[in-house]
Protein backbone atom coordinates (compact mmCIF):
# COMPACT_ATOMS: atom_id res chain seq x y z
CA MET A 1 94.60 113.08 108.94
CA HIS A 2 95.08 109.34 109.45
CA ILE A 3 98.64 108.11 109.98
CA GLU A 4 98.67 105.89 106.89
CA GLN A 5 97.54 108.78 104.71
CA ARG A 6 100.18 111.09 106.15
CA LEU A 7 102.92 108.49 105.66
CA ARG A 8 101.89 108.01 102.01
CA GLU A 9 101.77 111.75 101.52
CA THR A 10 105.21 112.17 103.06
CA ALA A 11 106.67 109.35 100.98
CA ASP A 12 105.35 110.98 97.81
CA ARG A 13 106.74 114.38 98.80
CA ILE A 14 110.17 112.94 99.52
CA THR A 15 110.24 111.06 96.22
CA VAL A 16 109.32 114.23 94.31
CA ALA A 17 111.97 116.22 96.21
CA LEU A 18 114.65 113.60 95.55
CA ASP A 19 113.73 113.50 91.88
CA ALA A 20 114.17 117.27 91.67
CA LEU A 21 117.42 117.43 93.67
CA LEU A 22 119.35 114.42 92.37
CA PRO A 23 121.41 115.06 89.22
CA ARG A 24 119.96 113.76 85.98
CA CYS A 25 121.55 110.88 84.11
CA SER A 26 123.86 112.27 81.44
CA GLY A 27 127.54 112.44 80.54
CA PRO A 28 130.31 110.05 81.59
CA GLU A 29 128.87 109.86 85.11
CA GLN A 30 125.61 108.43 83.79
CA ARG A 31 126.04 104.97 85.33
CA LEU A 32 126.70 106.35 88.81
CA LEU A 33 123.85 108.86 88.62
CA SER A 34 121.49 106.19 87.32
CA ALA A 35 122.34 103.92 90.26
CA MET A 36 121.82 106.76 92.75
CA ARG A 37 118.41 107.59 91.32
CA TYR A 38 117.47 103.91 90.99
CA ALA A 39 117.98 103.42 94.73
CA ALA A 40 116.67 106.74 96.01
CA LEU A 41 113.49 106.83 93.93
CA ALA A 42 112.52 103.20 94.57
CA GLY A 43 110.04 104.17 97.27
CA GLY A 44 109.91 102.76 100.77
CA ARG A 45 107.99 103.96 103.79
CA ARG A 46 110.21 107.04 104.29
CA VAL A 47 109.73 106.77 108.07
CA ARG A 48 112.78 108.86 108.98
CA PRO A 49 111.76 111.81 106.78
CA PHE A 50 108.26 111.53 108.23
CA LEU A 51 109.69 111.83 111.75
CA CYS A 52 111.71 114.89 110.75
CA LEU A 53 108.71 116.62 109.21
CA GLU A 54 106.34 115.80 112.07
CA ALA A 55 108.86 116.92 114.70
CA GLY A 56 109.21 120.22 112.88
CA HIS A 57 105.44 120.62 112.62
CA LEU A 58 105.24 120.56 116.43
CA PHE A 59 107.05 123.91 116.40
CA ASP A 60 105.74 125.38 113.13
CA ALA A 61 109.15 125.09 111.45
CA ASP A 62 109.72 126.38 107.94
CA GLU A 63 108.44 123.80 105.50
CA THR A 64 111.20 124.25 102.92
CA THR A 65 113.87 123.68 105.56
CA LEU A 66 112.08 120.61 106.89
CA LEU A 67 111.64 119.07 103.45
CA ARG A 68 115.27 119.56 102.48
CA VAL A 69 116.55 118.16 105.79
CA ALA A 70 114.16 115.21 105.51
CA THR A 71 115.45 114.55 101.99
CA ALA A 72 119.03 114.58 103.25
CA VAL A 73 118.04 112.07 105.91
CA GLU A 74 116.59 109.79 103.24
CA CYS A 75 119.79 110.04 101.19
CA VAL A 76 121.77 108.80 104.18
CA HIS A 77 119.30 106.02 104.85
CA THR A 78 119.38 104.92 101.21
CA TYR A 79 123.19 104.90 101.22
CA SER A 80 123.09 102.62 104.27
CA LEU A 81 120.67 100.24 102.55
CA ILE A 82 122.80 100.03 99.40
CA HIS A 83 125.89 99.16 101.43
CA ASP A 84 123.93 96.84 103.73
CA ASP A 85 122.82 94.77 100.71
CA LEU A 86 126.33 94.26 99.32
CA PRO A 87 127.75 90.71 99.30
CA LEU A 88 130.44 91.68 101.82
CA MET A 89 127.68 92.84 104.20
CA ASP A 90 124.26 91.12 104.29
CA ASP A 91 124.27 89.94 100.67
CA ASP A 92 120.63 90.70 99.80
CA ASP A 93 119.33 90.43 96.25
CA HIS A 94 116.24 92.62 96.61
CA ARG A 95 115.34 95.91 98.21
CA ARG A 96 112.07 97.85 98.08
CA GLY A 97 110.51 95.48 95.61
CA GLN A 98 113.30 95.52 93.03
CA PRO A 99 116.78 94.06 92.57
CA SER A 100 119.39 95.49 94.92
CA VAL A 101 121.68 98.09 93.37
CA HIS A 102 124.63 95.69 93.15
CA ARG A 103 122.38 93.22 91.31
CA GLN A 104 120.87 95.77 88.95
CA PHE A 105 124.27 97.32 88.21
CA ASP A 106 127.38 95.81 89.83
CA GLU A 107 129.21 95.89 93.15
CA PRO A 108 131.61 98.79 92.42
CA THR A 109 128.74 100.92 91.11
CA ALA A 110 126.65 100.12 94.19
CA LEU A 111 129.50 101.02 96.53
CA LEU A 112 130.08 104.35 94.77
CA ALA A 113 126.36 105.13 94.53
CA GLY A 114 126.08 104.75 98.29
CA ASP A 115 129.15 106.94 98.82
CA ALA A 116 127.73 109.58 96.49
CA LEU A 117 124.34 109.64 98.23
CA LEU A 118 126.04 110.10 101.59
CA ALA A 119 128.05 113.03 100.24
CA PHE A 120 124.96 114.46 98.54
CA ALA A 121 123.11 114.57 101.87
CA PHE A 122 125.71 117.00 103.21
CA GLU A 123 125.57 119.03 100.01
CA ILE A 124 121.83 119.49 100.62
CA LEU A 125 122.33 120.58 104.23
CA ALA A 126 125.14 123.00 103.39
CA ASP A 127 123.10 124.78 100.70
CA ILE A 128 121.68 128.20 101.61
CA ASN A 129 118.27 127.04 100.42
CA THR A 130 118.11 124.69 103.41
CA HIS A 131 118.34 127.49 105.97
CA PRO A 132 119.35 131.16 105.73
CA ASP A 133 121.47 131.00 108.91
CA PRO A 134 124.93 129.52 108.19
CA GLN A 135 125.33 128.55 111.86
CA MET A 136 122.18 126.46 111.66
CA ARG A 137 123.42 124.78 108.47
CA CYS A 138 126.74 124.02 110.19
CA LEU A 139 124.94 122.61 113.23
CA LEU A 140 122.71 120.36 111.13
CA THR A 141 125.72 119.17 109.12
CA THR A 142 127.70 118.39 112.28
CA LEU A 143 124.84 116.51 113.89
CA LEU A 144 124.23 114.41 110.78
CA ALA A 145 127.95 113.61 110.53
CA LYS A 146 127.87 112.36 114.12
CA ALA A 147 124.70 110.36 113.48
CA CYS A 148 126.17 108.43 110.56
CA GLY A 149 129.87 108.36 111.44
CA PRO A 150 132.21 106.34 113.68
CA MET A 151 130.00 106.87 116.75
CA GLY A 152 126.74 106.43 114.87
CA LEU A 153 125.31 104.42 112.01
CA ALA A 154 128.67 103.17 110.68
CA ALA A 155 129.66 101.95 114.13
CA GLY A 156 126.35 100.16 114.53
CA GLN A 157 126.78 98.40 111.21
CA MET A 158 130.28 97.35 112.24
CA LEU A 159 128.95 95.86 115.47
CA ASP A 160 126.24 94.07 113.52
CA MET A 161 128.86 92.55 111.23
CA MET A 162 130.88 91.36 114.22
CA GLY A 163 128.03 89.12 115.35
CA PRO A 164 128.75 87.22 118.59
CA GLU A 165 132.07 89.05 118.98
CA ILE A 166 130.23 92.07 120.41
CA GLY A 167 129.01 90.00 123.36
CA GLU A 168 125.80 88.06 123.67
CA ASP A 169 123.97 90.19 126.20
CA SER A 170 121.21 92.77 126.09
CA ALA A 171 123.51 95.74 126.75
CA ALA A 172 125.68 94.92 123.73
CA VAL A 173 122.66 94.45 121.48
CA ALA A 174 121.04 97.65 122.75
CA ARG A 175 124.21 99.60 121.95
CA MET A 176 124.35 98.11 118.45
CA ASN A 177 120.70 98.96 117.78
CA ARG A 178 121.04 102.47 119.20
CA LEU A 179 123.92 103.17 116.82
CA LYS A 180 122.70 101.29 113.76
CA THR A 181 119.06 102.39 113.78
CA GLY A 182 118.48 104.89 116.56
CA SER A 183 121.17 107.43 115.63
CA LEU A 184 119.56 108.49 112.33
CA ILE A 185 116.05 108.43 113.83
CA CYS A 186 117.23 110.69 116.66
CA PHE A 187 118.87 113.05 114.18
CA ALA A 188 115.68 113.26 112.10
CA LEU A 189 113.67 114.27 115.16
CA GLU A 190 116.29 116.67 116.54
CA ALA A 191 116.74 118.33 113.15
CA GLY A 192 113.01 118.97 112.93
CA ALA A 193 113.03 120.44 116.44
CA LEU A 194 116.04 122.64 115.67
CA ALA A 195 114.41 123.94 112.51
CA GLY A 196 111.47 125.02 114.67
CA ALA A 197 113.62 126.62 117.39
CA ALA A 198 112.31 124.17 120.00
CA SER A 199 113.17 124.57 123.66
CA GLU A 200 115.81 122.37 125.28
CA ASP A 201 113.16 120.46 127.22
CA ALA A 202 111.23 119.73 124.02
CA ARG A 203 114.37 118.59 122.24
CA GLN A 204 115.26 116.28 125.12
CA SER A 205 111.79 114.73 125.08
CA LEU A 206 112.06 114.08 121.35
CA ASN A 207 115.54 112.64 121.82
CA ARG A 208 114.25 110.20 124.44
CA PHE A 209 111.34 109.38 122.14
CA GLY A 210 113.77 108.71 119.28
CA HIS A 211 116.00 106.55 121.48
CA ASP A 212 113.16 104.22 122.51
CA LEU A 213 111.54 104.26 119.09
CA GLY A 214 114.85 103.36 117.43
CA LEU A 215 115.32 100.33 119.67
CA ALA A 216 111.71 99.23 119.17
CA PHE A 217 112.00 99.79 115.41
CA GLN A 218 115.02 97.49 115.18
CA LEU A 219 113.28 94.87 117.30
CA ALA A 220 110.33 94.96 114.92
CA ASP A 221 112.70 94.53 111.98
CA ASP A 222 114.40 91.56 113.64
CA LEU A 223 111.02 89.96 114.37
CA MET A 224 109.92 90.40 110.77
CA ASP A 225 113.11 88.68 109.63
CA ARG A 226 112.68 85.71 111.96
CA ASP A 227 110.67 83.56 109.52
CA GLY A 228 113.37 83.75 106.88
CA MET A 229 116.24 83.28 109.28
CA GLU A 230 116.81 79.60 108.57
CA ASP A 231 116.74 80.16 104.82
CA GLU A 232 119.25 82.96 105.15
CA LEU A 233 121.79 80.88 107.04
CA SER A 234 123.07 79.31 103.84
CA ARG A 235 123.14 80.57 100.29
CA PRO A 236 124.42 77.78 98.08
CA GLU A 237 124.25 79.89 94.94
CA ARG A 238 126.93 82.11 96.48
CA GLY A 239 128.86 79.22 97.94
CA ARG A 240 129.26 80.57 101.46
CA PRO A 241 127.22 80.78 104.68
CA GLN A 242 125.89 84.03 106.09
CA ARG A 243 127.61 85.58 109.09
CA PRO A 244 125.96 84.74 112.43
CA LYS A 245 123.79 87.55 113.78
CA VAL A 246 123.12 88.58 117.35
CA ASN A 247 119.91 90.43 118.22
CA TYR A 248 117.13 90.35 120.79
CA VAL A 249 115.37 87.54 118.93
CA THR A 250 118.44 85.30 119.08
CA LEU A 251 119.00 86.22 122.73
CA PHE A 252 115.49 86.07 124.16
CA GLY A 253 113.38 84.33 121.53
CA GLU A 254 110.35 85.70 119.74
CA GLU A 255 108.17 86.19 122.82
CA GLY A 256 110.87 87.89 124.85
CA ALA A 257 111.82 90.19 121.99
CA ARG A 258 108.20 91.13 121.33
CA ALA A 259 107.61 91.91 125.01
CA ARG A 260 110.66 94.20 125.06
CA MET A 261 109.51 95.90 121.87
CA LEU A 262 106.10 96.67 123.36
CA VAL A 263 107.65 98.10 126.53
CA LEU A 264 109.91 100.37 124.46
CA ALA A 265 107.00 101.46 122.26
CA ALA A 266 104.94 102.43 125.30
CA GLN A 267 107.88 104.35 126.75
CA ALA A 268 108.39 106.15 123.46
CA GLN A 269 104.79 107.32 123.39
CA ARG A 270 104.99 108.59 126.98
CA HIS A 271 107.87 110.87 126.04
CA LEU A 272 105.47 112.72 123.73
CA ALA A 273 103.05 113.64 126.52
CA ILE A 274 104.38 117.20 126.85
CA PHE A 275 103.30 117.96 123.28
CA GLY A 276 99.67 117.03 123.84
CA PRO A 277 97.35 116.53 120.82
CA LYS A 278 99.91 118.04 118.41
CA ALA A 279 101.95 114.83 118.66
CA ARG A 280 99.06 112.54 117.73
CA LEU A 281 100.59 111.43 114.44
CA LEU A 282 103.94 110.70 116.07
CA ARG A 283 102.18 108.56 118.68
CA GLU A 284 100.22 106.72 116.02
CA ALA A 285 103.39 106.22 113.98
CA VAL A 286 104.89 104.14 116.79
CA ASP A 287 102.12 101.55 116.55
CA PHE A 288 102.02 101.69 112.76
CA VAL A 289 105.71 101.04 112.10
CA LEU A 290 105.73 98.17 114.61
CA ALA A 291 102.48 96.57 113.43
CA GLY A 292 104.08 94.32 110.81
CA SER A 293 106.22 92.42 113.28
């Protein structure tokens, strides 16, 4: 199967799973539930769930477990996007081809919808339908908490908000990217490997793959944003300038950032060598997700 076809197939499966798992819109909680579903069902490439599923397929993991874990991963990612778009963060009006949640609803609803999706991810993992072994459910829950907590995604977002305060050097930017983007990518891959009872060597290879892919992924995102950077520096309709950002593009320029991205992408693919032909789609995914930069 071609990588684009598999990504579309995965995106469709995750949307269907989210639609089935998320509570329906009724009762006094209707506004909150509507905002959660509005954000989660809006589409997107679903790259992180794809990585979880494909990692699990390397070890013939149970498909129900993989799909539920991948759905939990997407709930966390969607929560991070909702919060990232808020005026007190990056102040973005659109996400996934539609108005951001705080624009479609309001800021308090967006904040709570993100909170609720984060909590719902752990509800999915803790459910017996995710895995019959309670120890495995506890392990997955703990690893996801670490991936999105004060030493993971949340910390990376905090560093991003600090801008030049974090230090204008490659080590500081690499740490920010590893936490902000790489932590959830690494969890998605490790969760798939755990679901398939992978060996320690295999898990370590996937972790190294996720580390380099996460850094390259963020570089690609920064490069895609470069054309709109000047427009984003000032938003007169909101009456205040955007916070200054620090990333590899601001440090090394477009050419330097692109060169680093390509090195990281090549490294990421080499980490998959031990899996042979079974990792073909993961290798192809590296080039595909970076192609738009």
